[in-house]
């Protein structure tokens, strides 16, 4: 008989525990379930872009047209995930300023193929932000402008 009574006590404790835990976490009238307004967007330092075609010279207009086309068709679709600094569009713009439209187009195409290379970590120095440092000056075919930095070097703003 004492074992039978002990079993009943254990059952009562079990049911009281279940009842307490379910009633303690139940929904009460002032805390109704509602749709949560969560944002799953990745916060980024995405550059503000100027899509205007304001230019003083025909060369600037052509450059702005190419950069806007790249932003609209590639960069905005792909997102801000360029592994390099300066970004590919800034690289193209700077390359046009350093050289000419034809050489800059070849440099930009080369840059895009290097951007897709998974083994690039052994070839480029890094910035503090983690991006690979790869300025267009290193590809202008003018030896005086090329500044080689070893891959282990960390580039600072100084």
N, C-alpha and C. Protein backbone atom coordinates (compact mmCIF):
# COMPACT_ATOMS: atom_id res chain seq x y z
N UNK A 1 0.79 -1.21 0.00
CA UNK A 1 0.00 0.00 0.00
C UNK A 1 0.84 1.28 0.00
N UNK A 2 1.94 1.35 0.80
CA UNK A 2 2.69 2.60 0.81
C UNK A 2 3.27 2.93 -0.57
N UNK A 3 3.63 1.95 -1.39
CA UNK A 3 4.16 2.21 -2.73
C UNK A 3 3.09 2.81 -3.62
N UNK A 4 1.82 2.36 -3.41
CA UNK A 4 0.71 2.85 -4.20
C UNK A 4 0.47 4.33 -3.89
N UNK A 5 0.56 4.71 -2.66
CA UNK A 5 0.38 6.10 -2.22
C UNK A 5 1.52 6.98 -2.75
N UNK A 6 2.71 6.45 -2.75
CA UNK A 6 3.86 7.20 -3.24
C UNK A 6 3.73 7.46 -4.75
N UNK A 7 3.17 6.50 -5.48
CA UNK A 7 2.96 6.67 -6.91
C UNK A 7 1.95 7.80 -7.17
N UNK A 8 0.89 7.86 -6.35
CA UNK A 8 -0.11 8.92 -6.50
C UNK A 8 0.51 10.30 -6.20
N UNK A 9 1.34 10.37 -5.20
CA UNK A 9 2.00 11.63 -4.86
C UNK A 9 2.91 12.08 -6.01
N UNK A 10 3.63 11.13 -6.59
CA UNK A 10 4.49 11.46 -7.73
C UNK A 10 3.66 11.95 -8.91
N UNK A 11 2.50 11.33 -9.15
CA UNK A 11 1.64 11.77 -10.24
C UNK A 11 1.10 13.17 -9.98
N UNK A 12 0.67 13.44 -8.73
CA UNK A 12 0.17 14.77 -8.39
C UNK A 12 1.27 15.82 -8.59
N UNK A 13 2.46 15.53 -8.17
CA UNK A 13 3.58 16.47 -8.34
C UNK A 13 3.85 16.70 -9.82
N UNK A 14 3.79 15.62 -10.58
CA UNK A 14 4.00 15.73 -12.02
C UNK A 14 2.94 16.62 -12.66
N UNK A 15 1.67 16.39 -12.36
CA UNK A 15 0.60 17.18 -12.95
C UNK A 15 0.64 18.64 -12.48
N UNK A 16 0.98 18.87 -11.24
CA UNK A 16 1.09 20.25 -10.74
C UNK A 16 2.24 20.96 -11.44
N UNK A 17 3.33 20.26 -11.64
CA UNK A 17 4.47 20.85 -12.36
C UNK A 17 4.09 21.18 -13.79
N UNK A 18 3.43 20.27 -14.48
CA UNK A 18 3.00 20.50 -15.86
C UNK A 18 2.02 21.67 -15.90
N UNK A 19 1.05 21.69 -14.98
CA UNK A 19 0.07 22.77 -14.95
C UNK A 19 0.74 24.12 -14.67
N UNK A 20 1.69 24.17 -13.77
CA UNK A 20 2.37 25.41 -13.44
C UNK A 20 3.20 25.92 -14.62
N UNK A 21 3.94 25.03 -15.25
CA UNK A 21 4.79 25.48 -16.36
C UNK A 21 3.96 25.93 -17.56
N UNK A 22 2.87 25.25 -17.84
CA UNK A 22 2.05 25.68 -18.98
C UNK A 22 1.29 26.96 -18.68
N UNK A 23 0.84 27.13 -17.46
CA UNK A 23 0.10 28.35 -17.13
C UNK A 23 1.05 29.54 -16.92
N UNK A 24 2.28 29.28 -16.54
CA UNK A 24 3.22 30.38 -16.32
C UNK A 24 3.65 31.01 -17.64
N UNK A 25 3.67 30.22 -18.71
CA UNK A 25 4.12 30.72 -20.00
C UNK A 25 2.99 30.87 -21.01
N UNK A 26 1.77 30.91 -20.53
CA UNK A 26 0.66 31.04 -21.46
C UNK A 26 0.50 32.49 -21.89
N UNK A 27 -0.28 32.68 -22.92
CA UNK A 27 -0.52 34.02 -23.45
C UNK A 27 -1.59 34.71 -22.62
N UNK A 28 -1.28 35.89 -22.17
CA UNK A 28 -2.28 36.63 -21.40
C UNK A 28 -2.82 37.76 -22.27
N UNK A 29 -3.91 38.34 -21.86
CA UNK A 29 -4.63 39.27 -22.73
C UNK A 29 -3.83 40.53 -23.07
N UNK A 30 -2.98 41.01 -22.21
CA UNK A 30 -2.25 42.22 -22.54
C UNK A 30 -0.99 41.96 -23.36
N UNK A 31 -0.63 40.73 -23.56
CA UNK A 31 0.53 40.38 -24.39
C UNK A 31 0.10 39.45 -25.51
N UNK A 32 -0.76 39.91 -26.37
CA UNK A 32 -1.25 39.08 -27.48
C UNK A 32 -0.13 38.81 -28.47
N UNK A 33 -0.23 37.66 -29.09
CA UNK A 33 0.73 37.34 -30.14
C UNK A 33 0.48 38.29 -31.30
N UNK A 34 1.52 38.81 -31.84
CA UNK A 34 1.39 39.71 -32.97
C UNK A 34 2.58 39.51 -33.91
N UNK A 35 2.44 40.08 -35.08
CA UNK A 35 3.51 39.99 -36.06
C UNK A 35 4.70 40.80 -35.58
N UNK A 36 5.86 40.19 -35.60
CA UNK A 36 7.08 40.87 -35.20
C UNK A 36 7.61 41.67 -36.39
N UNK A 37 8.03 42.87 -36.15
CA UNK A 37 8.61 43.71 -37.20
C UNK A 37 10.13 43.58 -37.16
N UNK A 38 10.61 42.46 -37.67
CA UNK A 38 12.05 42.20 -37.69
C UNK A 38 12.61 42.54 -39.06
N UNK A 39 13.82 43.01 -39.08
CA UNK A 39 14.51 43.28 -40.32
C UNK A 39 15.71 42.35 -40.42
N UNK A 40 15.79 41.65 -41.53
CA UNK A 40 16.90 40.73 -41.75
C UNK A 40 17.91 41.30 -42.73
N UNK A 41 17.85 42.60 -42.97
CA UNK A 41 18.79 43.23 -43.87
C UNK A 41 20.15 43.34 -43.22
N UNK A 42 21.15 43.07 -44.00
CA UNK A 42 22.51 43.19 -43.53
C UNK A 42 22.89 44.67 -43.54
N UNK A 43 23.33 45.15 -42.40
CA UNK A 43 23.76 46.55 -42.33
C UNK A 43 25.11 46.67 -43.03
N UNK A 44 25.21 47.63 -43.92
CA UNK A 44 26.46 47.80 -44.63
C UNK A 44 26.74 49.29 -44.82
N UNK A 45 27.94 49.55 -45.18
CA UNK A 45 28.36 50.91 -45.46
C UNK A 45 28.30 51.13 -46.97
N UNK A 46 27.17 50.75 -47.55
CA UNK A 46 27.01 50.84 -49.00
C UNK A 46 27.14 52.29 -49.43
N UNK A 47 27.90 52.52 -50.46
CA UNK A 47 28.18 53.87 -50.90
C UNK A 47 26.93 54.53 -51.47
N UNK A 48 26.74 55.79 -51.15
CA UNK A 48 25.68 56.56 -51.77
C UNK A 48 26.12 56.85 -53.20
N UNK A 49 25.25 56.59 -54.13
CA UNK A 49 25.64 56.72 -55.53
C UNK A 49 24.89 57.86 -56.21
N UNK A 50 25.59 58.50 -57.09
CA UNK A 50 25.01 59.57 -57.88
C UNK A 50 24.87 59.06 -59.30
N UNK A 51 23.64 58.74 -59.69
CA UNK A 51 23.39 58.18 -61.01
C UNK A 51 23.19 59.25 -62.09
N UNK A 52 23.48 60.48 -61.78
CA UNK A 52 23.28 61.53 -62.78
C UNK A 52 24.36 61.44 -63.85
N UNK A 53 24.07 62.06 -64.97
CA UNK A 53 25.03 62.09 -66.07
C UNK A 53 25.66 63.48 -66.21
N UNK A 54 25.71 64.21 -65.11
CA UNK A 54 26.31 65.55 -65.13
C UNK A 54 27.81 65.43 -65.41
N UNK A 55 28.22 66.04 -66.50
CA UNK A 55 29.63 65.99 -66.87
C UNK A 55 29.97 67.26 -67.64
N UNK A 56 31.21 67.67 -67.50
CA UNK A 56 31.66 68.89 -68.18
C UNK A 56 32.27 68.59 -69.54
N UNK A 57 32.77 67.37 -69.70
CA UNK A 57 33.40 67.01 -70.97
C UNK A 57 32.76 65.73 -71.51
N UNK A 58 32.89 65.47 -72.79
CA UNK A 58 32.36 64.21 -73.34
C UNK A 58 33.03 62.98 -72.73
N UNK A 59 34.31 63.09 -72.40
CA UNK A 59 35.00 61.96 -71.76
C UNK A 59 34.42 61.63 -70.40
N UNK A 60 34.10 62.65 -69.63
CA UNK A 60 33.48 62.42 -68.32
C UNK A 60 32.09 61.81 -68.47
N UNK A 61 31.36 62.24 -69.51
CA UNK A 61 30.03 61.69 -69.76
C UNK A 61 30.12 60.20 -70.09
N UNK A 62 31.09 59.83 -70.93
CA UNK A 62 31.28 58.42 -71.28
C UNK A 62 31.67 57.61 -70.05
N UNK A 63 32.60 58.16 -69.26
CA UNK A 63 33.01 57.47 -68.02
C UNK A 63 31.82 57.28 -67.09
N UNK A 64 31.04 58.32 -66.89
CA UNK A 64 29.87 58.25 -66.01
C UNK A 64 28.84 57.25 -66.55
N UNK A 65 28.70 57.17 -67.86
CA UNK A 65 27.77 56.20 -68.47
C UNK A 65 28.19 54.77 -68.17
N UNK A 66 29.49 54.49 -68.34
CA UNK A 66 29.99 53.15 -68.06
C UNK A 66 29.85 52.80 -66.57
N UNK A 67 30.20 53.73 -65.70
CA UNK A 67 30.12 53.48 -64.26
C UNK A 67 28.66 53.29 -63.83
N UNK A 68 27.76 54.12 -64.35
CA UNK A 68 26.34 53.97 -64.01
C UNK A 68 25.79 52.63 -64.50
N UNK A 69 26.20 52.23 -65.70
CA UNK A 69 25.75 50.93 -66.23
C UNK A 69 26.26 49.80 -65.34
N UNK A 70 27.52 49.86 -64.91
CA UNK A 70 28.05 48.83 -64.02
C UNK A 70 27.29 48.81 -62.69
N UNK A 71 27.05 49.98 -62.13
CA UNK A 71 26.30 50.05 -60.87
C UNK A 71 24.92 49.44 -61.03
N UNK A 72 24.22 49.83 -62.07
CA UNK A 72 22.83 49.43 -62.24
C UNK A 72 22.70 47.95 -62.57
N UNK A 73 23.50 47.44 -63.49
CA UNK A 73 23.34 46.07 -63.96
C UNK A 73 24.11 45.03 -63.17
N UNK A 74 25.19 45.41 -62.52
CA UNK A 74 26.01 44.42 -61.83
C UNK A 74 26.07 44.67 -60.33
N UNK A 75 26.54 45.83 -59.93
CA UNK A 75 26.82 46.08 -58.52
C UNK A 75 25.56 46.12 -57.66
N UNK A 76 24.50 46.78 -58.14
CA UNK A 76 23.27 46.84 -57.34
C UNK A 76 22.59 45.49 -57.24
N UNK A 77 22.74 44.66 -58.25
CA UNK A 77 22.15 43.32 -58.23
C UNK A 77 22.97 42.40 -57.33
N UNK A 78 24.28 42.51 -57.42
CA UNK A 78 25.18 41.65 -56.66
C UNK A 78 25.31 42.08 -55.20
N UNK A 79 25.12 43.34 -54.91
CA UNK A 79 25.24 43.83 -53.54
C UNK A 79 26.63 44.36 -53.26
N UNK A 80 26.79 44.87 -52.08
CA UNK A 80 28.06 45.46 -51.68
C UNK A 80 28.94 44.38 -51.06
N UNK A 81 29.52 43.55 -51.90
CA UNK A 81 30.36 42.48 -51.38
C UNK A 81 31.68 42.36 -52.12
N UNK A 82 32.15 43.47 -52.65
CA UNK A 82 33.44 43.48 -53.34
C UNK A 82 34.54 43.25 -52.30
N UNK A 83 35.42 42.33 -52.60
CA UNK A 83 36.49 41.98 -51.67
C UNK A 83 37.64 42.98 -51.72
N UNK A 84 37.63 43.85 -52.71
CA UNK A 84 38.74 44.77 -52.92
C UNK A 84 38.41 46.19 -52.49
N UNK A 85 39.47 46.93 -52.21
CA UNK A 85 39.36 48.37 -51.96
C UNK A 85 40.40 49.04 -52.84
N UNK A 86 40.09 49.91 -53.73
CA UNK A 86 38.78 50.47 -54.01
C UNK A 86 37.88 49.44 -54.68
N UNK A 87 36.56 49.68 -54.60
CA UNK A 87 35.60 48.76 -55.20
C UNK A 87 35.83 48.71 -56.71
N UNK A 88 35.21 47.75 -57.35
CA UNK A 88 35.44 47.57 -58.79
C UNK A 88 35.02 48.79 -59.61
N UNK A 89 33.90 49.40 -59.26
CA UNK A 89 33.47 50.58 -60.01
C UNK A 89 34.41 51.76 -59.76
N UNK A 90 34.87 51.92 -58.53
CA UNK A 90 35.82 52.99 -58.23
C UNK A 90 37.16 52.70 -58.91
N UNK A 91 37.53 51.43 -58.97
CA UNK A 91 38.75 51.04 -59.68
C UNK A 91 38.66 51.45 -61.15
N UNK A 92 37.52 51.17 -61.77
CA UNK A 92 37.32 51.52 -63.18
C UNK A 92 37.38 53.03 -63.39
N UNK A 93 36.72 53.76 -62.53
CA UNK A 93 36.72 55.22 -62.63
C UNK A 93 38.13 55.79 -62.45
N UNK A 94 38.84 55.29 -61.45
CA UNK A 94 40.21 55.74 -61.22
C UNK A 94 41.14 55.33 -62.36
N UNK A 95 40.90 54.14 -62.93
CA UNK A 95 41.73 53.66 -64.03
C UNK A 95 41.54 54.54 -65.26
N UNK A 96 40.31 55.00 -65.51
CA UNK A 96 40.07 55.92 -66.62
C UNK A 96 40.82 57.23 -66.39
N UNK A 97 40.80 57.72 -65.15
CA UNK A 97 41.51 58.96 -64.83
C UNK A 97 43.02 58.80 -65.00
N UNK A 98 43.55 57.63 -64.66
CA UNK A 98 44.99 57.38 -64.74
C UNK A 98 45.46 57.12 -66.16
N UNK A 99 44.65 56.43 -66.96
CA UNK A 99 45.09 56.01 -68.29
C UNK A 99 44.12 56.55 -69.35
N UNK A 100 43.49 55.65 -70.07
CA UNK A 100 42.49 56.02 -71.08
C UNK A 100 41.36 54.97 -71.02
N UNK A 101 40.32 55.18 -71.77
CA UNK A 101 39.14 54.31 -71.68
C UNK A 101 39.46 52.88 -72.12
N UNK A 102 40.32 52.71 -73.09
CA UNK A 102 40.63 51.37 -73.59
C UNK A 102 41.48 50.59 -72.60
N UNK A 103 42.55 51.21 -72.12
CA UNK A 103 43.40 50.52 -71.15
C UNK A 103 42.62 50.30 -69.84
N UNK A 104 41.78 51.26 -69.46
CA UNK A 104 41.00 51.11 -68.24
C UNK A 104 40.01 49.95 -68.36
N UNK A 105 39.45 49.75 -69.54
CA UNK A 105 38.53 48.63 -69.76
C UNK A 105 39.25 47.29 -69.61
N UNK A 106 40.46 47.21 -70.14
CA UNK A 106 41.26 45.98 -69.99
C UNK A 106 41.63 45.76 -68.52
N UNK A 107 42.03 46.85 -67.84
CA UNK A 107 42.37 46.75 -66.41
C UNK A 107 41.16 46.31 -65.59
N UNK A 108 39.99 46.86 -65.91
CA UNK A 108 38.76 46.53 -65.20
C UNK A 108 38.37 45.07 -65.43
N UNK A 109 38.51 44.61 -66.67
CA UNK A 109 38.20 43.20 -66.97
C UNK A 109 39.13 42.27 -66.20
N UNK A 110 40.40 42.64 -66.16
CA UNK A 110 41.37 41.87 -65.38
C UNK A 110 41.00 41.86 -63.90
N UNK A 111 40.57 43.00 -63.41
CA UNK A 111 40.18 43.11 -62.00
C UNK A 111 38.98 42.21 -61.68
N UNK A 112 37.99 42.17 -62.58
CA UNK A 112 36.84 41.29 -62.34
C UNK A 112 37.23 39.83 -62.30
N UNK A 113 38.17 39.42 -63.16
CA UNK A 113 38.60 38.02 -63.12
C UNK A 113 39.39 37.73 -61.86
N UNK A 114 40.15 38.71 -61.37
CA UNK A 114 40.87 38.51 -60.11
C UNK A 114 39.93 38.52 -58.91
N UNK A 115 38.81 39.24 -59.03
CA UNK A 115 37.83 39.29 -57.95
C UNK A 115 37.19 37.92 -57.75
N UNK A 116 37.07 37.14 -58.80
CA UNK A 116 36.44 35.83 -58.72
C UNK A 116 37.40 34.72 -58.31
N UNK A 117 38.69 35.03 -58.19
CA UNK A 117 39.71 34.05 -57.86
C UNK A 117 39.68 33.73 -56.37
N UNK A 118 39.40 32.48 -55.99
CA UNK A 118 39.36 32.15 -54.56
C UNK A 118 40.73 32.14 -53.88
N UNK A 119 41.81 32.08 -54.63
CA UNK A 119 43.15 32.04 -54.04
C UNK A 119 43.80 33.40 -53.93
N UNK A 120 43.03 34.45 -53.93
CA UNK A 120 43.60 35.80 -53.94
C UNK A 120 44.20 36.22 -52.61
N UNK A 121 43.93 35.50 -51.55
CA UNK A 121 44.41 35.93 -50.23
C UNK A 121 45.93 35.90 -50.12
N UNK A 122 46.59 35.15 -50.95
CA UNK A 122 48.06 35.07 -50.88
C UNK A 122 48.74 36.11 -51.76
N UNK A 123 47.96 36.95 -52.45
CA UNK A 123 48.55 37.86 -53.42
C UNK A 123 48.41 39.34 -53.11
N UNK A 124 47.54 39.71 -52.19
CA UNK A 124 47.25 41.12 -51.97
C UNK A 124 47.39 41.49 -50.50
N UNK A 125 47.89 42.71 -50.25
CA UNK A 125 47.88 43.19 -48.87
C UNK A 125 46.45 43.53 -48.46
N UNK A 126 46.21 43.60 -47.17
CA UNK A 126 44.86 43.88 -46.67
C UNK A 126 44.81 45.26 -46.04
N UNK A 127 43.60 45.79 -46.01
CA UNK A 127 43.33 47.00 -45.24
C UNK A 127 42.82 46.58 -43.87
N UNK A 128 42.73 47.54 -42.96
CA UNK A 128 42.20 47.22 -41.63
C UNK A 128 40.77 46.71 -41.69
N UNK A 129 40.02 47.16 -42.71
CA UNK A 129 38.62 46.72 -42.86
C UNK A 129 38.52 45.28 -43.33
N UNK A 130 39.63 44.68 -43.77
CA UNK A 130 39.61 43.30 -44.24
C UNK A 130 39.58 43.19 -45.76
N UNK A 131 39.38 44.29 -46.46
CA UNK A 131 39.38 44.26 -47.92
C UNK A 131 40.80 44.14 -48.45
N UNK A 132 40.92 43.55 -49.62
CA UNK A 132 42.22 43.47 -50.29
C UNK A 132 42.53 44.82 -50.93
N UNK A 133 43.75 45.29 -50.75
CA UNK A 133 44.16 46.57 -51.29
C UNK A 133 44.74 46.36 -52.68
N UNK A 134 44.07 46.94 -53.69
CA UNK A 134 44.48 46.74 -55.07
C UNK A 134 44.15 47.99 -55.89
N UNK A 135 45.00 49.03 -55.81
CA UNK A 135 44.71 50.27 -56.54
C UNK A 135 45.07 50.14 -58.02
N UNK A 136 44.44 50.96 -58.86
CA UNK A 136 44.74 50.89 -60.30
C UNK A 136 46.14 51.40 -60.63
N UNK A 137 46.78 52.13 -59.72
CA UNK A 137 48.14 52.62 -59.98
C UNK A 137 49.11 51.48 -60.27
N UNK A 138 48.87 50.31 -59.71
CA UNK A 138 49.78 49.19 -59.89
C UNK A 138 49.67 48.54 -61.26
N UNK A 139 48.74 49.00 -62.10
CA UNK A 139 48.52 48.37 -63.40
C UNK A 139 48.59 49.37 -64.55
N UNK A 140 49.18 50.51 -64.35
CA UNK A 140 49.19 51.56 -65.38
C UNK A 140 50.35 51.43 -66.37
N UNK A 141 51.20 50.48 -66.22
CA UNK A 141 52.34 50.24 -67.10
C UNK A 141 53.39 51.34 -67.01
N UNK A 142 53.34 52.12 -65.95
CA UNK A 142 54.37 53.13 -65.68
C UNK A 142 55.11 52.70 -64.42
N UNK A 143 56.35 52.25 -64.55
CA UNK A 143 57.08 51.71 -63.39
C UNK A 143 57.18 52.67 -62.21
N UNK A 144 57.20 53.96 -62.44
CA UNK A 144 57.33 54.92 -61.34
C UNK A 144 56.09 54.98 -60.46
N UNK A 145 54.94 54.57 -60.97
CA UNK A 145 53.69 54.63 -60.20
C UNK A 145 53.39 53.35 -59.44
N UNK A 146 54.05 52.27 -59.79
CA UNK A 146 53.77 50.98 -59.17
C UNK A 146 54.45 50.90 -57.81
N UNK A 147 53.67 50.62 -56.78
CA UNK A 147 54.19 50.49 -55.42
C UNK A 147 53.84 49.09 -54.92
N UNK A 148 54.81 48.19 -55.00
CA UNK A 148 54.55 46.81 -54.57
C UNK A 148 54.49 46.75 -53.05
N UNK A 149 53.44 46.11 -52.55
CA UNK A 149 53.30 45.85 -51.11
C UNK A 149 53.19 44.35 -50.92
N UNK A 150 53.93 43.77 -50.00
CA UNK A 150 53.84 42.33 -49.79
C UNK A 150 52.46 41.94 -49.26
N UNK A 151 52.01 40.72 -49.53
CA UNK A 151 50.69 40.28 -49.09
C UNK A 151 50.49 40.30 -47.57
N UNK A 152 51.55 40.27 -46.81
CA UNK A 152 51.42 40.29 -45.36
C UNK A 152 51.25 41.69 -44.80
N UNK A 153 51.39 42.71 -45.65
CA UNK A 153 51.32 44.10 -45.23
C UNK A 153 49.87 44.51 -44.97
N UNK A 154 49.65 45.30 -43.91
CA UNK A 154 48.33 45.85 -43.60
C UNK A 154 48.36 47.33 -43.95
N UNK A 155 47.50 47.74 -44.86
CA UNK A 155 47.46 49.11 -45.35
C UNK A 155 46.68 49.97 -44.36
N UNK A 156 47.24 51.11 -44.00
CA UNK A 156 46.55 52.05 -43.11
C UNK A 156 46.27 53.32 -43.89
N UNK A 157 45.44 54.18 -43.34
CA UNK A 157 45.09 55.44 -44.00
C UNK A 157 46.17 56.49 -43.88
N UNK A 158 47.21 56.23 -43.18
CA UNK A 158 48.26 57.23 -42.91
C UNK A 158 49.05 57.57 -44.14
